[in-house]
């Protein structure tokens, strides 16, 4: 699995950005929003139960990520058409403010090393990538356990200080100064 200090892989994927079929699909690559921090979070399957709680959680915090010059991208191995159908079907996903990427060929998941060895789906992985494309944070949860988008935001805040940040540090707290 690629981890902290690795370059995030080059990719180009279809994404869903709207419920209107005429403008629903766009191509997204590692070059999209170049120069920004990026949050990539992966979920196992559309039309499931834990995943929409996380996806809507990231959606609710999207404006906070944008204030920090960070772009959020959600991704699974489902097709863009399944993403669109789920987005239209699930009330908490109707107005998502970020793209839902489709890694239907499993290429990005394989390159990251997050394709579940038994289920063949994306693991519940999260990456924070800096403006130079370097992975600065990685977490992977069990397929049955949702992640906390607030913790991802807190970690982004800490990384953006460029300083030493204590356990449970929050934006506005003092950073650690070494004498």
C-alpha atoms as a PDB file:
ATOM      1  CA  UNK A   1       0.000   0.000   0.000  1.00  0.00           C
ATOM      2  CA  UNK A   2       1.289   3.460  -0.867  1.00  0.00           C
ATOM      3  CA  UNK A   3       1.819   5.482   2.265  1.00  0.00           C
ATOM      4  CA  UNK A   4       3.043   8.798   3.653  1.00  0.00           C
ATOM      5  CA  UNK A   5       5.915  10.210   1.606  1.00  0.00           C
ATOM      6  CA  UNK A   6       4.869   8.485  -1.627  1.00  0.00           C
ATOM      7  CA  UNK A   7       3.708  10.353  -4.700  1.00  0.00           C
ATOM      8  CA  UNK A   8      -0.031   9.927  -5.292  1.00  0.00           C
ATOM      9  CA  UNK A   9      -0.442   7.983  -8.557  1.00  0.00           C
ATOM     10  CA  UNK A  10      -1.325   9.543 -11.885  1.00  0.00           C
ATOM     11  CA  UNK A  11      -4.891   8.717 -12.911  1.00  0.00           C
ATOM     12  CA  UNK A  12      -7.772   9.746 -15.153  1.00  0.00           C
ATOM     13  CA  UNK A  13     -11.276   8.645 -14.176  1.00  0.00           C
ATOM     14  CA  UNK A  14     -14.893   9.408 -15.009  1.00  0.00           C
ATOM     15  CA  UNK A  15     -16.738  11.231 -12.257  1.00  0.00           C
ATOM     16  CA  UNK A  16     -20.293  12.220 -11.417  1.00  0.00           C
ATOM     17  CA  UNK A  17     -20.724  15.878 -10.453  1.00  0.00           C
ATOM     18  CA  UNK A  18     -24.436  16.538 -11.031  1.00  0.00           C
ATOM     19  CA  UNK A  19     -27.797  14.770 -11.121  1.00  0.00           C
ATOM     20  CA  UNK A  20     -28.682  16.242 -14.528  1.00  0.00           C
ATOM     21  CA  UNK A  21     -27.654  13.637 -17.110  1.00  0.00           C
ATOM     22  CA  UNK A  22     -26.608  16.341 -19.602  1.00  0.00           C
ATOM     23  CA  UNK A  23     -23.871  17.599 -17.231  1.00  0.00           C
ATOM     24  CA  UNK A  24     -23.440  14.674 -14.829  1.00  0.00           C
ATOM     25  CA  UNK A  25     -20.177  13.209 -16.137  1.00  0.00           C
ATOM     26  CA  UNK A  26     -16.711  14.763 -16.270  1.00  0.00           C
ATOM     27  CA  UNK A  27     -13.157  13.476 -16.509  1.00  0.00           C
ATOM     28  CA  UNK A  28     -11.007  14.015 -13.430  1.00  0.00           C
ATOM     29  CA  UNK A  29      -7.271  13.401 -13.265  1.00  0.00           C
ATOM     30  CA  UNK A  30      -4.467  13.832 -10.764  1.00  0.00           C
ATOM     31  CA  UNK A  31      -3.835  17.169 -12.546  1.00  0.00           C
ATOM     32  CA  UNK A  32      -7.347  18.507 -11.822  1.00  0.00           C
ATOM     33  CA  UNK A  33      -7.179  21.346  -9.282  1.00  0.00           C
ATOM     34  CA  UNK A  34      -3.389  21.317  -9.451  1.00  0.00           C
ATOM     35  CA  UNK A  35      -1.750  23.251  -6.630  1.00  0.00           C
ATOM     36  CA  UNK A  36      -4.472  22.432  -4.093  1.00  0.00           C
ATOM     37  CA  UNK A  37      -4.544  20.001  -1.204  1.00  0.00           C
ATOM     38  CA  UNK A  38      -6.651  16.967  -2.056  1.00  0.00           C
ATOM     39  CA  UNK A  39      -8.684  14.603   0.073  1.00  0.00           C
ATOM     40  CA  UNK A  40      -9.329  11.249  -1.597  1.00  0.00           C
ATOM     41  CA  UNK A  41     -11.641   8.903   0.235  1.00  0.00           C
ATOM     42  CA  UNK A  42     -12.641   5.478  -1.016  1.00  0.00           C
ATOM     43  CA  UNK A  43     -15.651   3.379  -0.110  1.00  0.00           C
ATOM     44  CA  UNK A  44     -16.402  -0.276  -0.910  1.00  0.00           C
ATOM     45  CA  UNK A  45     -19.766  -0.221  -2.729  1.00  0.00           C
ATOM     46  CA  UNK A  46     -22.617   2.040  -3.741  1.00  0.00           C
ATOM     47  CA  UNK A  47     -26.119   1.252  -2.485  1.00  0.00           C
ATOM     48  CA  UNK A  48     -24.812   0.081   0.888  1.00  0.00           C
ATOM     49  CA  UNK A  49     -25.342   1.241   4.458  1.00  0.00           C
ATOM     50  CA  UNK A  50     -22.155   2.635   6.074  1.00  0.00           C
ATOM     51  CA  UNK A  51     -20.883   4.375   2.936  1.00  0.00           C
ATOM     52  CA  UNK A  52     -23.605   7.039   2.587  1.00  0.00           C
ATOM     53  CA  UNK A  53     -23.052   8.153   6.192  1.00  0.00           C
ATOM     54  CA  UNK A  54     -19.425   8.922   5.373  1.00  0.00           C
ATOM     55  CA  UNK A  55     -20.124  10.424   1.964  1.00  0.00           C
ATOM     56  CA  UNK A  56     -22.744  12.801   3.342  1.00  0.00           C
ATOM     57  CA  UNK A  57     -20.392  13.603   6.249  1.00  0.00           C
ATOM     58  CA  UNK A  58     -17.697  14.727   3.823  1.00  0.00           C
ATOM     59  CA  UNK A  59     -20.363  16.652   1.892  1.00  0.00           C
ATOM     60  CA  UNK A  60     -21.420  18.521   5.032  1.00  0.00           C
ATOM     61  CA  UNK A  61     -17.802  19.567   5.650  1.00  0.00           C
ATOM     62  CA  UNK A  62     -16.963  20.359   2.020  1.00  0.00           C
ATOM     63  CA  UNK A  63     -17.074  24.142   2.542  1.00  0.00           C
ATOM     64  CA  UNK A  64     -14.602  23.774   5.430  1.00  0.00           C
ATOM     65  CA  UNK A  65     -12.217  21.803   3.218  1.00  0.00           C
ATOM     66  CA  UNK A  66     -12.559  24.451   0.486  1.00  0.00           C
ATOM     67  CA  UNK A  67     -11.675  27.217   2.998  1.00  0.00           C
ATOM     68  CA  UNK A  68      -8.396  25.348   3.455  1.00  0.00           C
ATOM     69  CA  UNK A  69      -7.662  25.151  -0.291  1.00  0.00           C
ATOM     70  CA  UNK A  70      -8.504  21.436  -0.286  1.00  0.00           C
ATOM     71  CA  UNK A  71     -10.591  19.586  -2.851  1.00  0.00           C
ATOM     72  CA  UNK A  72     -12.536  16.480  -1.793  1.00  0.00           C
ATOM     73  CA  UNK A  73     -12.911  13.470  -4.098  1.00  0.00           C
ATOM     74  CA  UNK A  74     -14.922  10.368  -3.255  1.00  0.00           C
ATOM     75  CA  UNK A  75     -14.219   7.128  -5.108  1.00  0.00           C
ATOM     76  CA  UNK A  76     -15.314   3.508  -5.407  1.00  0.00           C
ATOM     77  CA  UNK A  77     -14.988   0.761  -7.991  1.00  0.00           C
ATOM     78  CA  UNK A  78     -18.610   1.224  -9.093  1.00  0.00           C
ATOM     79  CA  UNK A  79     -19.317   2.744 -12.526  1.00  0.00           C
ATOM     80  CA  UNK A  80     -20.206   6.390 -13.019  1.00  0.00           C
ATOM     81  CA  UNK A  81     -23.718   5.250 -13.978  1.00  0.00           C
ATOM     82  CA  UNK A  82     -24.165   3.437 -10.669  1.00  0.00           C
ATOM     83  CA  UNK A  83     -22.849   6.545  -8.858  1.00  0.00           C
ATOM     84  CA  UNK A  84     -25.423   8.682 -10.659  1.00  0.00           C
ATOM     85  CA  UNK A  85     -28.269   6.284  -9.872  1.00  0.00           C
ATOM     86  CA  UNK A  86     -27.279   6.150  -6.190  1.00  0.00           C
ATOM     87  CA  UNK A  87     -26.869   9.896  -6.001  1.00  0.00           C
ATOM     88  CA  UNK A  88     -30.380  10.343  -7.407  1.00  0.00           C
ATOM     89  CA  UNK A  89     -31.848   7.577  -5.214  1.00  0.00           C
ATOM     90  CA  UNK A  90     -30.373   8.454  -1.798  1.00  0.00           C
ATOM     91  CA  UNK A  91     -31.654  11.701  -0.249  1.00  0.00           C
ATOM     92  CA  UNK A  92     -28.347  12.348   1.592  1.00  0.00           C
ATOM     93  CA  UNK A  93     -26.385  12.144  -1.679  1.00  0.00           C
ATOM     94  CA  UNK A  94     -28.656  14.221  -3.952  1.00  0.00           C
ATOM     95  CA  UNK A  95     -26.649  17.437  -3.713  1.00  0.00           C
ATOM     96  CA  UNK A  96     -23.090  16.300  -3.132  1.00  0.00           C
ATOM     97  CA  UNK A  97     -20.652  19.179  -3.645  1.00  0.00           C
ATOM     98  CA  UNK A  98     -17.712  16.985  -4.716  1.00  0.00           C
ATOM     99  CA  UNK A  99     -17.061  14.510  -7.541  1.00  0.00           C
ATOM    100  CA  UNK A 100     -17.764  10.786  -7.171  1.00  0.00           C
ATOM    101  CA  UNK A 101     -14.926   9.068  -9.052  1.00  0.00           C
ATOM    102  CA  UNK A 102     -15.387   5.721 -10.787  1.00  0.00           C
ATOM    103  CA  UNK A 103     -12.426   3.354 -10.636  1.00  0.00           C
ATOM    104  CA  UNK A 104     -14.345   0.640 -12.477  1.00  0.00           C
ATOM    105  CA  UNK A 105     -11.165  -0.922 -13.905  1.00  0.00           C
ATOM    106  CA  UNK A 106      -9.648  -0.993 -10.382  1.00  0.00           C
ATOM    107  CA  UNK A 107      -6.464   0.631 -11.696  1.00  0.00           C
ATOM    108  CA  UNK A 108      -6.142   3.399  -9.083  1.00  0.00           C
ATOM    109  CA  UNK A 109      -7.110   1.097  -6.201  1.00  0.00           C
ATOM    110  CA  UNK A 110      -4.532  -1.469  -7.322  1.00  0.00           C
ATOM    111  CA  UNK A 111      -1.817   1.166  -7.676  1.00  0.00           C
ATOM    112  CA  UNK A 112      -2.594   2.508  -4.201  1.00  0.00           C
ATOM    113  CA  UNK A 113      -2.698  -1.050  -2.840  1.00  0.00           C
ATOM    114  CA  UNK A 114      -6.210  -0.655  -1.414  1.00  0.00           C
ATOM    115  CA  UNK A 115      -8.151  -3.235  -3.412  1.00  0.00           C
ATOM    116  CA  UNK A 116      -9.634  -5.635  -0.862  1.00  0.00           C
ATOM    117  CA  UNK A 117      -8.040  -9.057  -1.463  1.00  0.00           C
ATOM    118  CA  UNK A 118     -11.238 -11.045  -0.886  1.00  0.00           C
ATOM    119  CA  UNK A 119     -14.107  -8.710  -1.807  1.00  0.00           C
ATOM    120  CA  UNK A 120     -12.388  -7.105  -4.829  1.00  0.00           C
ATOM    121  CA  UNK A 121     -13.646  -3.623  -3.895  1.00  0.00           C
ATOM    122  CA  UNK A 122     -11.940  -0.486  -2.622  1.00  0.00           C
ATOM    123  CA  UNK A 123     -11.008  -0.595   1.028  1.00  0.00           C
ATOM    124  CA  UNK A 124     -12.325   2.228   3.202  1.00  0.00           C
ATOM    125  CA  UNK A 125      -9.156   4.318   2.698  1.00  0.00           C
ATOM    126  CA  UNK A 126      -8.507   8.048   3.068  1.00  0.00           C
ATOM    127  CA  UNK A 127      -5.576  10.056   1.701  1.00  0.00           C
ATOM    128  CA  UNK A 128      -4.544  13.664   2.288  1.00  0.00           C
ATOM    129  CA  UNK A 129      -2.309  14.779  -0.582  1.00  0.00           C
ATOM    130  CA  UNK A 130      -0.367  18.053  -0.521  1.00  0.00           C
ATOM    131  CA  UNK A 131      -0.219  20.552  -3.424  1.00  0.00           C
ATOM    132  CA  UNK A 132       2.964  18.861  -4.717  1.00  0.00           C
ATOM    133  CA  UNK A 133       1.141  15.517  -5.002  1.00  0.00           C
ATOM    134  CA  UNK A 134       2.794  13.878  -1.987  1.00  0.00           C
ATOM    135  CA  UNK A 135       0.765  11.673   0.346  1.00  0.00           C
ATOM    136  CA  UNK A 136       0.844  13.266   3.799  1.00  0.00           C
ATOM    137  CA  UNK A 137      -1.785  11.127   5.575  1.00  0.00           C
ATOM    138  CA  UNK A 138      -3.317   7.680   5.063  1.00  0.00           C
ATOM    139  CA  UNK A 139      -5.899   5.749   7.030  1.00  0.00           C
ATOM    140  CA  UNK A 140      -7.746   2.540   6.249  1.00  0.00           C
ATOM    141  CA  UNK A 141     -10.761   1.292   8.176  1.00  0.00           C
ATOM    142  CA  UNK A 142     -12.317  -2.147   8.206  1.00  0.00           C
ATOM    143  CA  UNK A 143     -15.071  -2.447   5.608  1.00  0.00           C
ATOM    144  CA  UNK A 144     -17.677  -2.443   8.381  1.00  0.00           C
ATOM    145  CA  UNK A 145     -16.497   0.710  10.206  1.00  0.00           C
ATOM    146  CA  UNK A 146     -17.049   4.265   8.980  1.00  0.00           C
ATOM    147  CA  UNK A 147     -14.417   6.969   9.273  1.00  0.00           C
ATOM    148  CA  UNK A 148     -14.745  10.400  10.856  1.00  0.00           C
ATOM    149  CA  UNK A 149     -14.586  13.304   8.350  1.00  0.00           C
ATOM    150  CA  UNK A 150     -14.046  15.749  11.243  1.00  0.00           C
ATOM    151  CA  UNK A 151     -10.804  13.934  12.070  1.00  0.00           C
ATOM    152  CA  UNK A 152      -9.665  14.234   8.445  1.00  0.00           C
ATOM    153  CA  UNK A 153     -10.320  17.992   8.603  1.00  0.00           C
ATOM    154  CA  UNK A 154      -8.426  18.238  11.919  1.00  0.00           C
ATOM    155  CA  UNK A 155      -5.486  16.340  10.428  1.00  0.00           C
ATOM    156  CA  UNK A 156      -5.471  18.611   7.360  1.00  0.00           C
ATOM    157  CA  UNK A 157      -5.384  21.642   9.666  1.00  0.00           C
ATOM    158  CA  UNK A 158      -2.419  20.173  11.544  1.00  0.00           C
ATOM    159  CA  UNK A 159      -0.537  19.331   8.333  1.00  0.00           C
ATOM    160  CA  UNK A 160      -1.105  22.815   6.970  1.00  0.00           C
ATOM    161  CA  UNK A 161       0.598  24.419  10.003  1.00  0.00           C
ATOM    162  CA  UNK A 162       3.923  22.886   9.006  1.00  0.00           C
ATOM    163  CA  UNK A 163       4.576  22.638  12.751  1.00  0.00           C
ATOM    164  CA  UNK A 164       4.596  19.961  15.434  1.00  0.00           C
ATOM    165  CA  UNK A 165       1.041  19.355  16.644  1.00  0.00           C
ATOM    166  CA  UNK A 166       0.214  17.485  19.842  1.00  0.00           C
ATOM    167  CA  UNK A 167      -2.289  14.672  20.259  1.00  0.00           C
ATOM    168  CA  UNK A 168      -5.850  15.974  19.818  1.00  0.00           C
ATOM    169  CA  UNK A 169      -4.508  19.329  18.551  1.00  0.00           C
ATOM    170  CA  UNK A 170      -7.192  21.539  17.013  1.00  0.00           C
ATOM    171  CA  UNK A 171      -7.003  24.579  14.766  1.00  0.00           C
ATOM    172  CA  UNK A 172      -6.243  27.586  16.949  1.00  0.00           C
ATOM    173  CA  UNK A 173      -4.367  25.570  19.595  1.00  0.00           C
ATOM    174  CA  UNK A 174      -0.700  26.282  20.231  1.00  0.00           C
ATOM    175  CA  UNK A 175       1.789  24.183  18.307  1.00  0.00           C
ATOM    176  CA  UNK A 176       4.769  22.557  19.971  1.00  0.00           C
ATOM    177  CA  UNK A 177       7.891  24.715  19.987  1.00  0.00           C
ATOM    178  CA  UNK A 178      11.207  22.910  20.428  1.00  0.00           C
ATOM    179  CA  UNK A 179      13.734  24.952  22.427  1.00  0.00           C
END
